[in-house]
């Protein structure tokens, strides 16, 4: 229940990152366990501006963030981040 909202929002990610969010080679999306390397500020910046950790351009992800994902609220981003970080921690 703690991660229900984030889990719900993550359905948006499955188009490129696969239904299990572990990556989709055909669509080019990486394993979202990579979110484990972000802090909330970096993740918010990624979803709002398309700028990845350390200022990197992430290609299609950067484009999708600028075009579509920037509309998430701070609360939605925090919920998604918490869910993805939780998944990353349990997959180690």
Protein backbone atom coordinates (compact mmCIF):
# COMPACT_ATOMS: atom_id res chain seq x y z
CA UNK A 1 0.00 0.00 0.00
CA UNK A 2 2.86 2.38 0.74
CA UNK A 3 3.92 2.35 -2.92
CA UNK A 4 0.50 1.98 -4.57
CA UNK A 5 0.46 5.41 -6.20
CA UNK A 6 4.01 5.05 -7.51
CA UNK A 7 3.28 1.55 -8.81
CA UNK A 8 0.21 2.93 -10.60
CA UNK A 9 2.19 5.80 -12.15
CA UNK A 10 4.95 3.42 -13.26
CA UNK A 11 2.56 1.95 -15.83
CA UNK A 12 3.46 5.02 -17.88
CA UNK A 13 7.07 3.82 -17.95
CA UNK A 14 6.29 0.32 -19.18
CA UNK A 15 5.89 1.40 -22.80
CA UNK A 16 9.64 1.91 -23.12
CA UNK A 17 11.02 0.11 -20.08
CA UNK A 18 8.98 -3.11 -20.36
CA UNK A 19 6.07 -4.43 -18.35
CA UNK A 20 8.45 -5.48 -15.55
CA UNK A 21 10.41 -2.19 -15.78
CA UNK A 22 13.63 -4.16 -16.26
CA UNK A 23 14.26 -2.77 -19.71
CA UNK A 24 13.03 -3.37 -23.22
CA UNK A 25 15.70 -3.80 -25.88
CA UNK A 26 13.22 -3.35 -28.72
CA UNK A 27 11.99 -0.01 -27.36
CA UNK A 28 15.41 0.99 -26.03
CA UNK A 29 14.37 1.57 -22.43
CA UNK A 30 16.83 0.68 -19.70
CA UNK A 31 16.23 -1.20 -16.47
CA UNK A 32 14.62 1.25 -14.05
CA UNK A 33 16.71 -0.16 -11.22
CA UNK A 34 19.03 2.63 -12.42
CA UNK A 35 16.83 5.02 -10.46
CA UNK A 36 18.64 3.64 -7.42
CA UNK A 37 21.55 5.88 -8.45
CA UNK A 38 19.44 9.05 -8.37
CA UNK A 39 18.34 11.19 -5.48
CA UNK A 40 14.89 12.80 -5.55
CA UNK A 41 16.20 16.15 -6.81
CA UNK A 42 18.00 14.50 -9.73
CA UNK A 43 14.97 12.36 -10.55
CA UNK A 44 12.65 15.38 -10.48
CA UNK A 45 15.04 17.24 -12.80
CA UNK A 46 15.09 14.25 -15.16
CA UNK A 47 11.31 14.06 -15.41
CA UNK A 48 10.85 17.81 -15.71
CA UNK A 49 13.71 18.76 -18.03
CA UNK A 50 15.10 15.54 -19.48
CA UNK A 51 18.51 16.11 -17.89
CA UNK A 52 19.89 12.92 -16.36
CA UNK A 53 22.22 12.48 -13.42
CA UNK A 54 25.48 14.39 -13.85
CA UNK A 55 23.86 16.51 -16.57
CA UNK A 56 23.75 13.71 -19.13
CA UNK A 57 21.42 13.70 -22.12
CA UNK A 58 19.58 10.38 -22.15
CA UNK A 59 18.43 10.47 -25.77
CA UNK A 60 14.85 9.34 -26.15
CA UNK A 61 14.24 9.46 -22.40
CA UNK A 62 15.23 13.12 -22.37
CA UNK A 63 12.84 13.82 -25.25
CA UNK A 64 9.95 11.94 -23.60
CA UNK A 65 10.52 13.77 -20.32
CA UNK A 66 10.44 17.19 -21.98
CA UNK A 67 7.43 16.30 -24.12
CA UNK A 68 5.26 14.23 -21.76
CA UNK A 69 6.57 13.57 -18.26
CA UNK A 70 7.07 17.16 -17.16
CA UNK A 71 3.36 17.34 -16.27
CA UNK A 72 3.72 15.10 -13.21
CA UNK A 73 3.21 16.91 -9.93
CA UNK A 74 5.89 16.95 -7.24
CA UNK A 75 3.81 14.44 -5.24
CA UNK A 76 3.49 12.11 -8.24
CA UNK A 77 7.22 12.30 -8.93
CA UNK A 78 7.99 11.57 -5.27
CA UNK A 79 5.61 8.59 -5.27
CA UNK A 80 7.13 7.19 -8.47
CA UNK A 81 10.64 7.75 -7.15
CA UNK A 82 9.86 5.98 -3.85
CA UNK A 83 8.39 3.00 -5.69
CA UNK A 84 11.27 2.69 -8.17
CA UNK A 85 13.89 3.10 -5.42
CA UNK A 86 12.15 0.43 -3.38
CA UNK A 87 12.22 -1.94 -6.38
CA UNK A 88 15.88 -1.17 -6.99
CA UNK A 89 16.76 -1.91 -3.37
CA UNK A 90 15.00 -5.27 -3.39
CA UNK A 91 16.65 -6.33 -6.67
CA UNK A 92 20.22 -5.90 -5.43
